Amino acid sequence: MAFLIYIGAAAAEIAGCSAFWAWLRLDRSALLVLPGLASLCLFAWLLTLIDATNAGRAYAAYGGIYIASSLLWLWLVEGARPDRWDVAGAAICLCGAALILWGPRS
């Protein structure tokens, strides 16, 4: 379940940040900020659903998911295909996220 929450959080964060990017960098309407803010609030709420004793650990594990999701956004939304270095970097980050989430704790 944590993986699905992280995917939803990543989509919400990337969409929210993209709204600001479109407004400030692409000269789109400032009205894009409103759904962008709602999306960022959804992102923050979703991360509170992660079953972790420490928020920092939940956020650290999320980082790997965010990186992979950002590259997927790059490809599907922005039309730029990630290169092998992007894919290798994301794979390393996902391995790190898995260690953070499921590593043995004493």
PDB file of N, CA and C in Angstrom:
ATOM      1  N   MET A   1       0.822  -1.196   0.000  1.00  0.00           N
ATOM      2  CA  MET A   1       0.000   0.000   0.000  1.00  0.00           C
ATOM      3  C   MET A   1       0.867   1.261   0.000  1.00  0.00           C
ATOM      4  N   ALA A   2       1.999   1.199   0.693  1.00  0.00           N
ATOM      5  CA  ALA A   2       2.873   2.368   0.760  1.00  0.00           C
ATOM      6  C   ALA A   2       3.313   2.799  -0.636  1.00  0.00           C
ATOM      7  N   PHE A   3       3.596   1.827  -1.501  1.00  0.00           N
ATOM      8  CA  PHE A   3       4.039   2.161  -2.852  1.00  0.00           C
ATOM      9  C   PHE A   3       2.979   2.969  -3.595  1.00  0.00           C
ATOM     10  N   LEU A   4       1.720   2.575  -3.484  1.00  0.00           N
ATOM     11  CA  LEU A   4       0.636   3.307  -4.157  1.00  0.00           C
ATOM     12  C   LEU A   4       0.473   4.719  -3.592  1.00  0.00           C
ATOM     13  N   ILE A   5       0.626   4.839  -2.277  1.00  0.00           N
ATOM     14  CA  ILE A   5       0.544   6.173  -1.660  1.00  0.00           C
ATOM     15  C   ILE A   5       1.687   7.039  -2.172  1.00  0.00           C
ATOM     16  N   TYR A   6       2.879   6.477  -2.237  1.00  0.00           N
ATOM     17  CA  TYR A   6       4.019   7.238  -2.743  1.00  0.00           C
ATOM     18  C   TYR A   6       3.821   7.653  -4.209  1.00  0.00           C
ATOM     19  N   ILE A   7       3.271   6.776  -5.019  1.00  0.00           N
ATOM     20  CA  ILE A   7       3.015   7.117  -6.423  1.00  0.00           C
ATOM     21  C   ILE A   7       2.006   8.261  -6.508  1.00  0.00           C
ATOM     22  N   GLY A   8       0.939   8.170  -5.731  1.00  0.00           N
ATOM     23  CA  GLY A   8      -0.053   9.249  -5.711  1.00  0.00           C
ATOM     24  C   GLY A   8       0.550  10.558  -5.232  1.00  0.00           C
ATOM     25  N   ALA A   9       1.376  10.488  -4.184  1.00  0.00           N
ATOM     26  CA  ALA A   9       2.030  11.689  -3.666  1.00  0.00           C
ATOM     27  C   ALA A   9       2.955  12.303  -4.714  1.00  0.00           C
ATOM     28  N   ALA A  10       3.700  11.455  -5.407  1.00  0.00           N
ATOM     29  CA  ALA A  10       4.608  11.956  -6.440  1.00  0.00           C
ATOM     30  C   ALA A  10       3.837  12.634  -7.563  1.00  0.00           C
ATOM     31  N   ALA A  11       2.757  12.007  -8.005  1.00  0.00           N
ATOM     32  CA  ALA A  11       1.948  12.619  -9.072  1.00  0.00           C
ATOM     33  C   ALA A  11       1.394  13.965  -8.625  1.00  0.00           C
ATOM     34  N   ALA A  12       0.916  14.037  -7.385  1.00  0.00           N
ATOM     35  CA  ALA A  12       0.360  15.293  -6.875  1.00  0.00           C
ATOM     36  C   ALA A  12       1.435  16.360  -6.745  1.00  0.00           C
ATOM     37  N   GLU A  13       2.608  15.977  -6.248  1.00  0.00           N
ATOM     38  CA  GLU A  13       3.680  16.972  -6.094  1.00  0.00           C
ATOM     39  C   GLU A  13       4.176  17.464  -7.449  1.00  0.00           C
ATOM     40  N   ILE A  14       4.392  16.558  -8.365  1.00  0.00           N
ATOM     41  CA  ILE A  14       4.899  16.955  -9.676  1.00  0.00           C
ATOM     42  C   ILE A  14       3.867  17.830 -10.398  1.00  0.00           C
ATOM     43  N   ALA A  15       2.599  17.465 -10.322  1.00  0.00           N
ATOM     44  CA  ALA A  15       1.557  18.277 -10.966  1.00  0.00           C
ATOM     45  C   ALA A  15       1.493  19.667 -10.331  1.00  0.00           C
ATOM     46  N   GLY A  16       1.579  19.726  -9.000  1.00  0.00           N
ATOM     47  CA  GLY A  16       1.537  21.020  -8.321  1.00  0.00           C
ATOM     48  C   GLY A  16       2.722  21.890  -8.682  1.00  0.00           C
ATOM     49  N   CYS A  17       3.893  21.308  -8.673  1.00  0.00           N
ATOM     50  CA  CYS A  17       5.088  22.070  -9.036  1.00  0.00           C
ATOM     51  C   CYS A  17       5.069  22.474 -10.505  1.00  0.00           C
ATOM     52  N   SER A  18       4.536  21.618 -11.345  1.00  0.00           N
ATOM     53  CA  SER A  18       4.445  21.936 -12.774  1.00  0.00           C
ATOM     54  C   SER A  18       3.510  23.110 -13.029  1.00  0.00           C
ATOM     55  N   ALA A  19       2.481  23.236 -12.204  1.00  0.00           N
ATOM     56  CA  ALA A  19       1.573  24.381 -12.342  1.00  0.00           C
ATOM     57  C   ALA A  19       2.333  25.688 -12.095  1.00  0.00           C
ATOM     58  N   PHE A  20       3.168  25.687 -11.065  1.00  0.00           N
ATOM     59  CA  PHE A  20       3.983  26.879 -10.793  1.00  0.00           C
ATOM     60  C   PHE A  20       5.006  27.106 -11.897  1.00  0.00           C
ATOM     61  N   TRP A  21       5.600  26.034 -12.388  1.00  0.00           N
ATOM     62  CA  TRP A  21       6.567  26.126 -13.485  1.00  0.00           C
ATOM     63  C   TRP A  21       5.902  26.751 -14.717  1.00  0.00           C
ATOM     64  N   ALA A  22       4.710  26.268 -15.030  1.00  0.00           N
ATOM     65  CA  ALA A  22       3.997  26.791 -16.201  1.00  0.00           C
ATOM     66  C   ALA A  22       3.704  28.282 -16.042  1.00  0.00           C
ATOM     67  N   TRP A  23       3.310  28.681 -14.844  1.00  0.00           N
ATOM     68  CA  TRP A  23       2.994  30.083 -14.594  1.00  0.00           C
ATOM     69  C   TRP A  23       4.244  30.959 -14.669  1.00  0.00           C
ATOM     70  N   LEU A  24       5.287  30.556 -13.956  1.00  0.00           N
ATOM     71  CA  LEU A  24       6.460  31.419 -13.828  1.00  0.00           C
ATOM     72  C   LEU A  24       7.468  31.284 -14.963  1.00  0.00           C
ATOM     73  N   ARG A  25       7.547  30.121 -15.588  1.00  0.00           N
ATOM     74  CA  ARG A  25       8.562  29.919 -16.609  1.00  0.00           C
ATOM     75  C   ARG A  25       8.007  29.865 -18.028  1.00  0.00           C
ATOM     76  N   LEU A  26       6.733  29.520 -18.148  1.00  0.00           N
ATOM     77  CA  LEU A  26       6.146  29.380 -19.485  1.00  0.00           C
ATOM     78  C   LEU A  26       5.101  30.450 -19.788  1.00  0.00           C
ATOM     79  N   ASP A  27       4.998  31.442 -18.899  1.00  0.00           N
ATOM     80  CA  ASP A  27       4.059  32.563 -19.067  1.00  0.00           C
ATOM     81  C   ASP A  27       2.614  32.123 -19.231  1.00  0.00           C
ATOM     82  N   ARG A  28       2.227  31.075 -18.495  1.00  0.00           N
ATOM     83  CA  ARG A  28       0.836  30.650 -18.505  1.00  0.00           C
ATOM     84  C   ARG A  28       0.072  31.434 -17.441  1.00  0.00           C
ATOM     85  N   SER A  29      -1.224  31.259 -17.407  1.00  0.00           N
ATOM     86  CA  SER A  29      -2.089  31.998 -16.492  1.00  0.00           C
ATOM     87  C   SER A  29      -1.729  31.740 -15.025  1.00  0.00           C
ATOM     88  N   ALA A  30      -1.805  32.794 -14.230  1.00  0.00           N
ATOM     89  CA  ALA A  30      -1.582  32.675 -12.788  1.00  0.00           C
ATOM     90  C   ALA A  30      -2.674  31.827 -12.130  1.00  0.00           C
ATOM     91  N   LEU A  31      -3.788  31.641 -12.818  1.00  0.00           N
ATOM     92  CA  LEU A  31      -4.862  30.799 -12.274  1.00  0.00           C
ATOM     93  C   LEU A  31      -4.429  29.343 -12.123  1.00  0.00           C
ATOM     94  N   LEU A  32      -3.372  28.944 -12.817  1.00  0.00           N
ATOM     95  CA  LEU A  32      -2.846  27.589 -12.665  1.00  0.00           C
ATOM     96  C   LEU A  32      -2.327  27.338 -11.257  1.00  0.00           C
ATOM     97  N   VAL A  33      -2.015  28.406 -10.538  1.00  0.00           N
ATOM     98  CA  VAL A  33      -1.489  28.261  -9.185  1.00  0.00           C
ATOM     99  C   VAL A  33      -2.536  27.648  -8.258  1.00  0.00           C
ATOM    100  N   LEU A  34      -3.808  27.947  -8.476  1.00  0.00           N
ATOM    101  CA  LEU A  34      -4.853  27.431  -7.580  1.00  0.00           C
ATOM    102  C   LEU A  34      -4.935  25.905  -7.592  1.00  0.00           C
ATOM    103  N   PRO A  35      -5.092  25.262  -8.735  1.00  0.00           N
ATOM    104  CA  PRO A  35      -5.064  23.797  -8.702  1.00  0.00           C
ATOM    105  C   PRO A  35      -3.688  23.263  -8.297  1.00  0.00           C
ATOM    106  N   GLY A  36      -2.639  24.028  -8.592  1.00  0.00           N
ATOM    107  CA  GLY A  36      -1.306  23.622  -8.173  1.00  0.00           C
ATOM    108  C   GLY A  36      -1.199  23.572  -6.658  1.00  0.00           C
ATOM    109  N   LEU A  37      -1.748  24.568  -5.976  1.00  0.00           N
ATOM    110  CA  LEU A  37      -1.736  24.566  -4.505  1.00  0.00           C
ATOM    111  C   LEU A  37      -2.559  23.407  -3.949  1.00  0.00           C
ATOM    112  N   ALA A  38      -3.714  23.159  -4.550  1.00  0.00           N
ATOM    113  CA  ALA A  38      -4.538  22.029  -4.102  1.00  0.00           C
ATOM    114  C   ALA A  38      -3.786  20.717  -4.281  1.00  0.00           C
ATOM    115  N   SER A  39      -3.085  20.589  -5.382  1.00  0.00           N
ATOM    116  CA  SER A  39      -2.317  19.380  -5.647  1.00  0.00           C
ATOM    117  C   SER A  39      -1.180  19.218  -4.632  1.00  0.00           C
ATOM    118  N   LEU A  40      -0.521  20.304  -4.276  1.00  0.00           N
ATOM    119  CA  LEU A  40       0.547  20.230  -3.281  1.00  0.00           C
ATOM    120  C   LEU A  40       0.003  19.886  -1.895  1.00  0.00           C
ATOM    121  N   CYS A  41      -1.189  20.368  -1.578  1.00  0.00           N
ATOM    122  CA  CYS A  41      -1.823  19.984  -0.305  1.00  0.00           C
ATOM    123  C   CYS A  41      -2.153  18.493  -0.310  1.00  0.00           C
ATOM    124  N   LEU A  42      -2.647  17.982  -1.432  1.00  0.00           N
ATOM    125  CA  LEU A  42      -2.929  16.550  -1.551  1.00  0.00           C
ATOM    126  C   LEU A  42      -1.654  15.741  -1.355  1.00  0.00           C
ATOM    127  N   PHE A  43      -0.572  16.191  -1.960  1.00  0.00           N
ATOM    128  CA  PHE A  43       0.729  15.531  -1.802  1.00  0.00           C
ATOM    129  C   PHE A  43       1.113  15.427  -0.328  1.00  0.00           C
ATOM    130  N   ALA A  44       1.023  16.532   0.399  1.00  0.00           N
ATOM    131  CA  ALA A  44       1.409  16.531   1.812  1.00  0.00           C
ATOM    132  C   ALA A  44       0.505  15.611   2.626  1.00  0.00           C
ATOM    133  N   TRP A  45      -0.777  15.625   2.343  1.00  0.00           N
ATOM    134  CA  TRP A  45      -1.716  14.762   3.067  1.00  0.00           C
ATOM    135  C   TRP A  45      -1.423  13.291   2.803  1.00  0.00           C
ATOM    136  N   LEU A  46      -1.150  12.955   1.546  1.00  0.00           N
ATOM    137  CA  LEU A  46      -0.870  11.560   1.211  1.00  0.00           C
ATOM    138  C   LEU A  46       0.339  11.031   1.975  1.00  0.00           C
ATOM    139  N   LEU A  47       1.358  11.854   2.129  1.00  0.00           N
ATOM    140  CA  LEU A  47       2.538  11.379   2.854  1.00  0.00           C
ATOM    141  C   LEU A  47       2.237  11.094   4.322  1.00  0.00           C
ATOM    142  N   THR A  48       1.217  11.730   4.876  1.00  0.00           N
ATOM    143  CA  THR A  48       0.866  11.434   6.270  1.00  0.00           C
ATOM    144  C   THR A  48       0.240  10.051   6.408  1.00  0.00           C
ATOM    145  N   LEU A  49      -0.171   9.443   5.306  1.00  0.00           N
ATOM    146  CA  LEU A  49      -0.783   8.115   5.339  1.00  0.00           C
ATOM    147  C   LEU A  49       0.250   6.988   5.399  1.00  0.00           C
ATOM    148  N   ILE A  50       1.511   7.321   5.194  1.00  0.00           N
ATOM    149  CA  ILE A  50       2.570   6.307   5.231  1.00  0.00           C
ATOM    150  C   ILE A  50       2.729   5.803   6.658  1.00  0.00           C
ATOM    151  N   ASP A  51       2.746   4.489   6.789  1.00  0.00           N
ATOM    152  CA  ASP A  51       2.892   3.864   8.101  1.00  0.00           C
ATOM    153  C   ASP A  51       4.369   3.809   8.482  1.00  0.00           C
ATOM    154  N   ALA A  52       4.848   4.888   9.065  1.00  0.00           N
ATOM    155  CA  ALA A  52       6.234   4.967   9.499  1.00  0.00           C
ATOM    156  C   ALA A  52       6.264   5.644  10.866  1.00  0.00           C
ATOM    157  N   THR A  53       7.177   5.219  11.702  1.00  0.00           N
ATOM    158  CA  THR A  53       7.271   5.819  13.027  1.00  0.00           C
ATOM    159  C   THR A  53       7.921   7.197  12.982  1.00  0.00           C
ATOM    160  N   ASN A  54       8.705   7.462  11.933  1.00  0.00           N
ATOM    161  CA  ASN A  54       9.383   8.747  11.792  1.00  0.00           C
ATOM    162  C   ASN A  54       9.057   9.368  10.450  1.00  0.00           C
ATOM    163  N   ALA A  55       8.659  10.620  10.472  1.00  0.00           N
ATOM    164  CA  ALA A  55       8.329  11.320   9.236  1.00  0.00           C
ATOM    165  C   ALA A  55       9.544  11.403   8.314  1.00  0.00           C
ATOM    166  N   GLY A  56      10.708  11.654   8.890  1.00  0.00           N
ATOM    167  CA  GLY A  56      11.918  11.772   8.076  1.00  0.00           C
ATOM    168  C   GLY A  56      12.212  10.528   7.266  1.00  0.00           C
ATOM    169  N   ARG A  57      11.963   9.362   7.835  1.00  0.00           N
ATOM    170  CA  ARG A  57      12.191   8.110   7.112  1.00  0.00           C
ATOM    171  C   ARG A  57      11.183   7.968   5.970  1.00  0.00           C
ATOM    172  N   ALA A  58       9.941   8.326   6.223  1.00  0.00           N
ATOM    173  CA  ALA A  58       8.918   8.267   5.173  1.00  0.00           C
ATOM    174  C   ALA A  58       9.272   9.218   4.033  1.00  0.00           C
ATOM    175  N   TYR A  59       9.758  10.414   4.365  1.00  0.00           N
ATOM    176  CA  TYR A  59      10.120  11.387   3.334  1.00  0.00           C
ATOM    177  C   TYR A  59      11.363  10.953   2.565  1.00  0.00           C
ATOM    178  N   ALA A  60      12.322  10.360   3.266  1.00  0.00           N
ATOM    179  CA  ALA A  60      13.543   9.904   2.607  1.00  0.00           C
ATOM    180  C   ALA A  60      13.237   8.801   1.598  1.00  0.00           C
ATOM    181  N   ALA A  61      12.406   7.849   1.990  1.00  0.00           N
ATOM    182  CA  ALA A  61      12.035   6.771   1.073  1.00  0.00           C
ATOM    183  C   ALA A  61      11.260   7.327  -0.116  1.00  0.00           C
ATOM    184  N   TYR A  62      10.447   8.338   0.130  1.00  0.00           N
ATOM    185  CA  TYR A  62       9.665   8.964  -0.935  1.00  0.00           C
ATOM    186  C   TYR A  62      10.577   9.556  -2.008  1.00  0.00           C
ATOM    187  N   GLY A  63      11.754  10.010  -1.609  1.00  0.00           N
ATOM    188  CA  GLY A  63      12.657  10.643  -2.565  1.00  0.00           C
ATOM    189  C   GLY A  63      12.957   9.777  -3.779  1.00  0.00           C
ATOM    190  N   GLY A  64      13.172   8.494  -3.572  1.00  0.00           N
ATOM    191  CA  GLY A  64      13.447   7.600  -4.697  1.00  0.00           C
ATOM    192  C   GLY A  64      12.256   7.471  -5.634  1.00  0.00           C
ATOM    193  N   ILE A  65      11.075   7.375  -5.041  1.00  0.00           N
ATOM    194  CA  ILE A  65       9.854   7.291  -5.850  1.00  0.00           C
ATOM    195  C   ILE A  65       9.655   8.581  -6.633  1.00  0.00           C
ATOM    196  N   TYR A  66       9.921   9.710  -5.986  1.00  0.00           N
ATOM    197  CA  TYR A  66       9.766  11.010  -6.646  1.00  0.00           C
ATOM    198  C   TYR A  66      10.688  11.120  -7.860  1.00  0.00           C
ATOM    199  N   ILE A  67      11.920  10.691  -7.706  1.00  0.00           N
ATOM    200  CA  ILE A  67      12.875  10.789  -8.812  1.00  0.00           C
ATOM    201  C   ILE A  67      12.413   9.950 -10.007  1.00  0.00           C
ATOM    202  N   ALA A  68      12.015   8.712  -9.757  1.00  0.00           N
ATOM    203  CA  ALA A  68      11.540   7.855 -10.851  1.00  0.00           C
ATOM    204  C   ALA A  68      10.270   8.430 -11.485  1.00  0.00           C
ATOM    205  N   SER A  69       9.367   8.940 -10.658  1.00  0.00           N
ATOM    206  CA  SER A  69       8.121   9.526 -11.174  1.00  0.00           C
ATOM    207  C   SER A  69       8.394  10.781 -11.996  1.00  0.00           C
ATOM    208  N   SER A  70       9.380  11.561 -11.583  1.00  0.00           N
ATOM    209  CA  SER A  70       9.730  12.771 -12.336  1.00  0.00           C
ATOM    210  C   SER A  70      10.234  12.427 -13.721  1.00  0.00           C
ATOM    211  N   LEU A  71      10.998  11.346 -13.817  1.00  0.00           N
ATOM    212  CA  LEU A  71      11.479  10.929 -15.134  1.00  0.00           C
ATOM    213  C   LEU A  71      10.348  10.393 -15.998  1.00  0.00           C
ATOM    214  N   LEU A  72       9.388   9.741 -15.372  1.00  0.00           N
ATOM    215  CA  LEU A  72       8.211   9.293 -16.115  1.00  0.00           C
ATOM    216  C   LEU A  72       7.422  10.503 -16.622  1.00  0.00           C
ATOM    217  N   TRP A  73       7.287  11.521 -15.791  1.00  0.00           N
ATOM    218  CA  TRP A  73       6.618  12.777 -16.183  1.00  0.00           C
ATOM    219  C   TRP A  73       7.364  13.412 -17.361  1.00  0.00           C
ATOM    220  N   LEU A  74       8.693  13.443 -17.258  1.00  0.00           N
ATOM    221  CA  LEU A  74       9.528  13.986 -18.328  1.00  0.00           C
ATOM    222  C   LEU A  74       9.187  13.325 -19.658  1.00  0.00           C
ATOM    223  N   TRP A  75       9.020  12.017 -19.617  1.00  0.00           N
ATOM    224  CA  TRP A  75       8.767  11.253 -20.832  1.00  0.00           C
ATOM    225  C   TRP A  75       7.325  11.407 -21.310  1.00  0.00           C
ATOM    226  N   LEU A  76       6.359  11.179 -20.419  1.00  0.00           N
ATOM    227  CA  LEU A  76       4.956  11.145 -20.836  1.00  0.00           C
ATOM    228  C   LEU A  76       4.328  12.516 -21.041  1.00  0.00           C
ATOM    229  N   VAL A  77       4.701  13.487 -20.228  1.00  0.00           N
ATOM    230  CA  VAL A  77       4.069  14.802 -20.300  1.00  0.00           C
ATOM    231  C   VAL A  77       4.898  15.785 -21.116  1.00  0.00           C
ATOM    232  N   GLU A  78       6.215  15.780 -20.891  1.00  0.00           N
ATOM    233  CA  GLU A  78       7.068  16.751 -21.570  1.00  0.00           C
ATOM    234  C   GLU A  78       7.623  16.242 -22.896  1.00  0.00           C
ATOM    235  N   GLY A  79       7.469  14.949 -23.148  1.00  0.00           N
ATOM    236  CA  GLY A  79       7.875  14.393 -24.432  1.00  0.00           C
ATOM    237  C   GLY A  79       9.375  14.208 -24.620  1.00  0.00           C
ATOM    238  N   ALA A  80      10.147  14.251 -23.518  1.00  0.00           N
ATOM    239  CA  ALA A  80      11.594  14.028 -23.608  1.00  0.00           C
ATOM    240  C   ALA A  80      11.902  12.675 -22.989  1.00  0.00           C
ATOM    241  N   ARG A  81      12.429  11.790 -23.777  1.00  0.00           N
ATOM    242  CA  ARG A  81      12.697  10.431 -23.293  1.00  0.00           C
ATOM    243  C   ARG A  81      13.927  10.417 -22.385  1.00  0.00           C
ATOM    244  N   PRO A  82      13.796   9.819 -21.189  1.00  0.00           N
ATOM    245  CA  PRO A  82      14.958   9.713 -20.302  1.00  0.00           C
ATOM    246  C   PRO A  82      16.059   8.882 -20.963  1.00  0.00           C
ATOM    247  N   ASP A  83      17.311   9.263 -20.712  1.00  0.00           N
ATOM    248  CA  ASP A  83      18.419   8.492 -21.272  1.00  0.00           C
ATOM    249  C   ASP A  83      18.867   7.416 -20.281  1.00  0.00           C
ATOM    250  N   ARG A  84      19.863   6.671 -20.657  1.00  0.00           N
ATOM    251  CA  ARG A  84      20.301   5.547 -19.816  1.00  0.00           C
ATOM    252  C   ARG A  84      20.816   6.014 -18.468  1.00  0.00           C
ATOM    253  N   TRP A  85      21.382   7.213 -18.398  1.00  0.00           N
ATOM    254  CA  TRP A  85      21.894   7.729 -17.127  1.00  0.00           C
ATOM    255  C   TRP A  85      20.739   8.113 -16.215  1.00  0.00           C
ATOM    256  N   ASP A  86      19.676   8.640 -16.797  1.00  0.00           N
ATOM    257  CA  ASP A  86      18.474   8.928 -16.013  1.00  0.00           C
ATOM    258  C   ASP A  86      17.915   7.644 -15.407  1.00  0.00           C
ATOM    259  N   VAL A  87      17.808   6.620 -16.244  1.00  0.00           N
ATOM    260  CA  VAL A  87      17.246   5.341 -15.803  1.00  0.00           C
ATOM    261  C   VAL A  87      18.134   4.689 -14.745  1.00  0.00           C
ATOM    262  N   ALA A  88      19.447   4.709 -14.959  1.00  0.00           N
ATOM    263  CA  ALA A  88      20.364   4.119 -13.981  1.00  0.00           C
ATOM    264  C   ALA A  88      20.291   4.868 -12.648  1.00  0.00           C
ATOM    265  N   GLY A  89      20.256   6.180 -12.700  1.00  0.00           N
ATOM    266  CA  GLY A  89      20.164   6.976 -11.482  1.00  0.00           C
ATOM    267  C   GLY A  89      18.875   6.711 -10.732  1.00  0.00           C
ATOM    268  N   ALA A  90      17.771   6.605 -11.468  1.00  0.00           N
ATOM    269  CA  ALA A  90      16.481   6.320 -10.830  1.00  0.00           C
ATOM    270  C   ALA A  90      16.484   4.929 -10.202  1.00  0.00           C
ATOM    271  N   ALA A  91      17.094   3.963 -10.873  1.00  0.00           N
ATOM    272  CA  ALA A  91      17.153   2.608 -10.318  1.00  0.00           C
ATOM    273  C   ALA A  91      17.945   2.588  -9.009  1.00  0.00           C
ATOM    274  N   ILE A  92      19.039   3.315  -8.974  1.00  0.00           N
ATOM    275  CA  ILE A  92      19.828   3.405  -7.743  1.00  0.00           C
ATOM    276  C   ILE A  92      19.004   4.046  -6.630  1.00  0.00           C
ATOM    277  N   CYS A  93      18.298   5.096  -6.965  1.00  0.00           N
ATOM    278  CA  CYS A  93      17.464   5.778  -5.970  1.00  0.00           C
ATOM    279  C   CYS A  93      16.341   4.880  -5.458  1.00  0.00           C
ATOM    280  N   LEU A  94      15.742   4.106  -6.340  1.00  0.00           N
ATOM    281  CA  LEU A  94      14.675   3.184  -5.917  1.00  0.00           C
ATOM    282  C   LEU A  94      15.226   2.096  -5.001  1.00  0.00           C
ATOM    283  N   CYS A  95      16.442   1.633  -5.274  1.00  0.00           N
ATOM    284  CA  CYS A  95      17.068   0.661  -4.368  1.00  0.00           C
ATOM    285  C   CYS A  95      17.295   1.287  -3.001  1.00  0.00           C
ATOM    286  N   GLY A  96      17.725   2.522  -2.977  1.00  0.00           N
ATOM    287  CA  GLY A  96      17.909   3.228  -1.718  1.00  0.00           C
ATOM    288  C   GLY A  96      16.604   3.407  -0.968  1.00  0.00           C
ATOM    289  N   ALA A  97      15.550   3.744  -1.694  1.00  0.00           N
ATOM    290  CA  ALA A  97      14.233   3.901  -1.064  1.00  0.00           C
ATOM    291  C   ALA A  97      13.768   2.581  -0.461  1.00  0.00           C
ATOM    292  N   ALA A  98      14.003   1.484  -1.167  1.00  0.00           N
ATOM    293  CA  ALA A  98      13.609   0.164  -0.655  1.00  0.00           C
ATOM    294  C   ALA A  98      14.377  -0.172   0.621  1.00  0.00           C
ATOM    295  N   LEU A  99      15.662   0.147   0.652  1.00  0.00           N
ATOM    296  CA  LEU A  99      16.448  -0.089   1.867  1.00  0.00           C
ATOM    297  C   LEU A  99      15.906   0.719   3.042  1.00  0.00           C
ATOM    298  N   ILE A 100      15.579   1.963   2.781  1.00  0.00           N
ATOM    299  CA  ILE A 100      15.043   2.831   3.841  1.00  0.00           C
ATOM    300  C   ILE A 100      13.715   2.289   4.359  1.00  0.00           C
ATOM    301  N   LEU A 101      12.849   1.878   3.429  1.00  0.00           N
ATOM    302  CA  LEU A 101      11.512   1.412   3.812  1.00  0.00           C
ATOM    303  C   LEU A 101      11.539   0.051   4.495  1.00  0.00           C
ATOM    304  N   TRP A 102      12.285  -0.879   3.922  1.00  0.00           N
ATOM    305  CA  TRP A 102      12.157  -2.270   4.369  1.00  0.00           C
ATOM    306  C   TRP A 102      13.428  -2.851   4.990  1.00  0.00           C
ATOM    307  N   GLY A 103      14.429  -2.009   5.209  1.00  0.00           N
ATOM    308  CA  GLY A 103      15.652  -2.505   5.833  1.00  0.00           C
ATOM    309  C   GLY A 103      15.389  -2.960   7.256  1.00  0.00           C
ATOM    310  N   PRO A 104      16.135  -3.987   7.715  1.00  0.00           N
ATOM    311  CA  PRO A 104      15.921  -4.489   9.088  1.00  0.00           C
ATOM    312  C   PRO A 104      16.304  -3.415  10.112  1.00  0.00           C
ATOM    313  N   ARG A 105      15.468  -3.257  11.084  1.00  0.00           N
ATOM    314  CA  ARG A 105      15.694  -2.297  12.161  1.00  0.00           C
ATOM    315  C   ARG A 105      15.774  -3.050  13.479  1.00  0.00           C
ATOM    316  N   SER A 106      16.652  -2.616  14.337  1.00  0.00           N
ATOM    317  CA  SER A 106      16.740  -3.285  15.648  1.00  0.00           C
ATOM    318  C   SER A 106      15.908  -2.577  16.697  1.00  0.00           C
TER     319      SER A 106
END
